Amino acid sequence: MKEWIKSDVIRRLVDALEDASTSIPEDKLWVEVEKAVDNIDVAHIYLKMAMLKHNVAVYVAGGMPISELPGEDWVREYYAYQMPAFYRALKVALARRSPYVTPDDVIGEAESS
């Protein structure tokens, strides 16, 4: 599991944040990440586009739902994280103000929630 978190979840998150940083000024990027953690629907469009591009998030509005999703922090009206691991990794990255987190950080966040 740790290898998957490192090679898939964290790698994609790093790529998404690096992409977003080309369009969002550095002093605003973590403000937008905080918005995305609180409610991905209201985050900056460039951050959402980068997360969609790197398969960190998905657009869930506009169609028939595949299934009923519970009211989870990682699922909103228009966007959702691909899976809770991406949401947890982003929360840790926000706390550290760095996308370079470890699998143990992500697992620890999941266990504390």
C-alpha atoms as a PDB file:
ATOM      1  CA  MET A   1       0.000   0.000   0.000  1.00  0.00           C
ATOM      2  CA  LYS A   2       2.757   2.471   0.860  1.00  0.00           C
ATOM      3  CA  GLU A   3       4.391   1.985  -2.526  1.00  0.00           C
ATOM      4  CA  TRP A   4       1.076   2.658  -4.272  1.00  0.00           C
ATOM      5  CA  ILE A   5       0.508   5.834  -2.220  1.00  0.00           C
ATOM      6  CA  LYS A   6       4.018   7.001  -3.093  1.00  0.00           C
ATOM      7  CA  SER A   7       4.062   6.071  -6.773  1.00  0.00           C
ATOM      8  CA  ASP A   8       0.468   6.933  -7.629  1.00  0.00           C
ATOM      9  CA  VAL A   9      -1.228   9.237  -5.139  1.00  0.00           C
ATOM     10  CA  ILE A  10       1.675  11.484  -4.121  1.00  0.00           C
ATOM     11  CA  ARG A  11       3.218  11.528  -7.602  1.00  0.00           C
ATOM     12  CA  ARG A  12      -0.051  12.671  -9.192  1.00  0.00           C
ATOM     13  CA  LEU A  13      -0.630  15.241  -6.474  1.00  0.00           C
ATOM     14  CA  VAL A  14       2.867  16.689  -6.958  1.00  0.00           C
ATOM     15  CA  ASP A  15       2.312  16.850 -10.723  1.00  0.00           C
ATOM     16  CA  ALA A  16      -1.064  18.566 -10.291  1.00  0.00           C
ATOM     17  CA  LEU A  17       0.285  21.170  -7.878  1.00  0.00           C
ATOM     18  CA  GLU A  18       3.282  21.852 -10.119  1.00  0.00           C
ATOM     19  CA  ASP A  19       0.924  22.359 -13.079  1.00  0.00           C
ATOM     20  CA  ALA A  20      -1.333  24.643 -11.073  1.00  0.00           C
ATOM     21  CA  SER A  21       1.630  26.709  -9.919  1.00  0.00           C
ATOM     22  CA  THR A  22       2.299  27.756 -13.530  1.00  0.00           C
ATOM     23  CA  SER A  23      -1.057  29.595 -13.577  1.00  0.00           C
ATOM     24  CA  ILE A  24      -1.621  30.524  -9.934  1.00  0.00           C
ATOM     25  CA  PRO A  25       0.859  32.880  -8.258  1.00  0.00           C
ATOM     26  CA  GLU A  26       2.964  31.139  -5.618  1.00  0.00           C
ATOM     27  CA  ASP A  27       1.609  33.328  -2.816  1.00  0.00           C
ATOM     28  CA  LYS A  28      -1.954  32.289  -3.741  1.00  0.00           C
ATOM     29  CA  LEU A  29      -1.430  28.588  -4.446  1.00  0.00           C
ATOM     30  CA  TRP A  30      -1.740  27.382  -0.846  1.00  0.00           C
ATOM     31  CA  VAL A  31      -4.774  29.628  -0.326  1.00  0.00           C
ATOM     32  CA  GLU A  32      -6.400  27.800  -3.235  1.00  0.00           C
ATOM     33  CA  VAL A  33      -5.289  24.421  -1.896  1.00  0.00           C
ATOM     34  CA  GLU A  34      -6.941  25.301   1.401  1.00  0.00           C
ATOM     35  CA  LYS A  35     -10.143  26.114  -0.481  1.00  0.00           C
ATOM     36  CA  ALA A  36      -9.886  22.773  -2.300  1.00  0.00           C
ATOM     37  CA  VAL A  37      -9.536  20.921   1.003  1.00  0.00           C
ATOM     38  CA  ASP A  38     -12.525  22.746   2.470  1.00  0.00           C
ATOM     39  CA  ASN A  39     -14.660  22.458  -0.663  1.00  0.00           C
ATOM     40  CA  ILE A  40     -13.144  21.543  -4.004  1.00  0.00           C
ATOM     41  CA  ASP A  41     -16.068  23.171  -5.836  1.00  0.00           C
ATOM     42  CA  VAL A  42     -14.878  26.669  -4.856  1.00  0.00           C
ATOM     43  CA  ALA A  43     -11.167  26.200  -5.565  1.00  0.00           C
ATOM     44  CA  HIS A  44      -9.490  28.131  -8.362  1.00  0.00           C
ATOM     45  CA  ILE A  45     -10.371  26.798 -11.810  1.00  0.00           C
ATOM     46  CA  TYR A  46      -6.691  26.267 -12.703  1.00  0.00           C
ATOM     47  CA  LEU A  47      -6.185  24.116  -9.632  1.00  0.00           C
ATOM     48  CA  LYS A  48      -9.265  22.066 -10.486  1.00  0.00           C
ATOM     49  CA  MET A  49      -8.122  21.732 -14.097  1.00  0.00           C
ATOM     50  CA  ALA A  50      -4.701  20.492 -12.968  1.00  0.00           C
ATOM     51  CA  MET A  51      -6.301  17.978 -10.596  1.00  0.00           C
ATOM     52  CA  LEU A  52      -8.601  16.761 -13.386  1.00  0.00           C
ATOM     53  CA  LYS A  53      -5.678  16.477 -15.810  1.00  0.00           C
ATOM     54  CA  HIS A  54      -3.653  14.350 -13.382  1.00  0.00           C
ATOM     55  CA  ASN A  55      -6.638  12.242 -12.332  1.00  0.00           C
ATOM     56  CA  VAL A  56      -6.633  13.534  -8.759  1.00  0.00           C
ATOM     57  CA  ALA A  57     -10.219  14.750  -9.065  1.00  0.00           C
ATOM     58  CA  VAL A  58     -13.258  14.083 -11.216  1.00  0.00           C
ATOM     59  CA  TYR A  59     -16.182  16.191 -12.377  1.00  0.00           C
ATOM     60  CA  VAL A  60     -19.335  14.606 -10.957  1.00  0.00           C
ATOM     61  CA  ALA A  61     -22.083  17.062 -11.911  1.00  0.00           C
ATOM     62  CA  GLY A  62     -24.170  17.136 -15.008  1.00  0.00           C
ATOM     63  CA  GLY A  63     -25.301  13.584 -15.337  1.00  0.00           C
ATOM     64  CA  MET A  64     -27.063  10.719 -13.731  1.00  0.00           C
ATOM     65  CA  PRO A  65     -25.178   9.601 -10.641  1.00  0.00           C
ATOM     66  CA  ILE A  66     -23.630   6.166 -10.899  1.00  0.00           C
ATOM     67  CA  SER A  67     -24.360   5.517  -7.255  1.00  0.00           C
ATOM     68  CA  GLU A  68     -25.383   7.350  -4.132  1.00  0.00           C
ATOM     69  CA  LEU A  69     -22.268   8.752  -2.501  1.00  0.00           C
ATOM     70  CA  PRO A  70     -22.390   9.492   1.200  1.00  0.00           C
ATOM     71  CA  GLY A  71     -21.814  13.028   2.398  1.00  0.00           C
ATOM     72  CA  GLU A  72     -18.042  12.766   2.606  1.00  0.00           C
ATOM     73  CA  ASP A  73     -15.575  15.673   2.782  1.00  0.00           C
ATOM     74  CA  TRP A  74     -13.927  14.509  -0.440  1.00  0.00           C
ATOM     75  CA  VAL A  75     -17.177  14.592  -2.458  1.00  0.00           C
ATOM     76  CA  ARG A  76     -18.911  17.857  -3.354  1.00  0.00           C
ATOM     77  CA  GLU A  77     -21.678  18.900  -5.698  1.00  0.00           C
ATOM     78  CA  TYR A  78     -19.576  19.392  -8.844  1.00  0.00           C
ATOM     79  CA  TYR A  79     -16.186  17.828  -8.130  1.00  0.00           C
ATOM     80  CA  ALA A  80     -14.843  14.969  -6.060  1.00  0.00           C
ATOM     81  CA  TYR A  81     -11.436  13.554  -5.377  1.00  0.00           C
ATOM     82  CA  GLN A  82     -10.752  10.390  -7.340  1.00  0.00           C
ATOM     83  CA  MET A  83     -10.565   8.586  -4.000  1.00  0.00           C
ATOM     84  CA  PRO A  84     -10.116   9.559  -0.342  1.00  0.00           C
ATOM     85  CA  ALA A  85      -6.350   8.975  -0.522  1.00  0.00           C
ATOM     86  CA  PHE A  86      -5.949  12.048  -2.755  1.00  0.00           C
ATOM     87  CA  TYR A  87      -7.975  14.170  -0.353  1.00  0.00           C
ATOM     88  CA  ARG A  88      -5.952  12.940   2.630  1.00  0.00           C
ATOM     89  CA  ALA A  89      -2.650  13.561   0.828  1.00  0.00           C
ATOM     90  CA  LEU A  90      -3.754  17.083  -0.081  1.00  0.00           C
ATOM     91  CA  LYS A  91      -4.671  17.800   3.549  1.00  0.00           C
ATOM     92  CA  VAL A  92      -1.197  16.760   4.672  1.00  0.00           C
ATOM     93  CA  ALA A  93       0.428  18.770   1.871  1.00  0.00           C
ATOM     94  CA  LEU A  94      -1.554  21.831   2.958  1.00  0.00           C
ATOM     95  CA  ALA A  95      -0.493  21.416   6.594  1.00  0.00           C
ATOM     96  CA  ARG A  96       3.144  21.208   5.493  1.00  0.00           C
ATOM     97  CA  ARG A  97       2.822  23.725   2.644  1.00  0.00           C
ATOM     98  CA  SER A  98       4.628  21.176   0.497  1.00  0.00           C
ATOM     99  CA  PRO A  99       3.379  18.475  -1.858  1.00  0.00           C
ATOM    100  CA  TYR A 100       6.292  16.272  -0.873  1.00  0.00           C
ATOM    101  CA  VAL A 101       4.651  14.146   1.794  1.00  0.00           C
ATOM    102  CA  THR A 102       5.224  10.514   2.670  1.00  0.00           C
ATOM    103  CA  PRO A 103       2.918   7.510   2.584  1.00  0.00           C
ATOM    104  CA  ASP A 104       3.138   7.381   6.382  1.00  0.00           C
ATOM    105  CA  ASP A 105       1.875  10.987   6.515  1.00  0.00           C
ATOM    106  CA  VAL A 106      -1.137  10.075   4.361  1.00  0.00           C
ATOM    107  CA  ILE A 107      -1.899   6.917   6.337  1.00  0.00           C
ATOM    108  CA  GLY A 108      -1.573   8.845   9.610  1.00  0.00           C
ATOM    109  CA  GLU A 109      -4.041  11.464   8.364  1.00  0.00           C
ATOM    110  CA  ALA A 110      -6.520   8.771   7.384  1.00  0.00           C
ATOM    111  CA  GLU A 111      -6.226   7.072  10.765  1.00  0.00           C
ATOM    112  CA  SER A 112      -6.734  10.325  12.661  1.00  0.00           C
ATOM    113  CA  SER A 113      -9.907  11.241  10.782  1.00  0.00           C
END
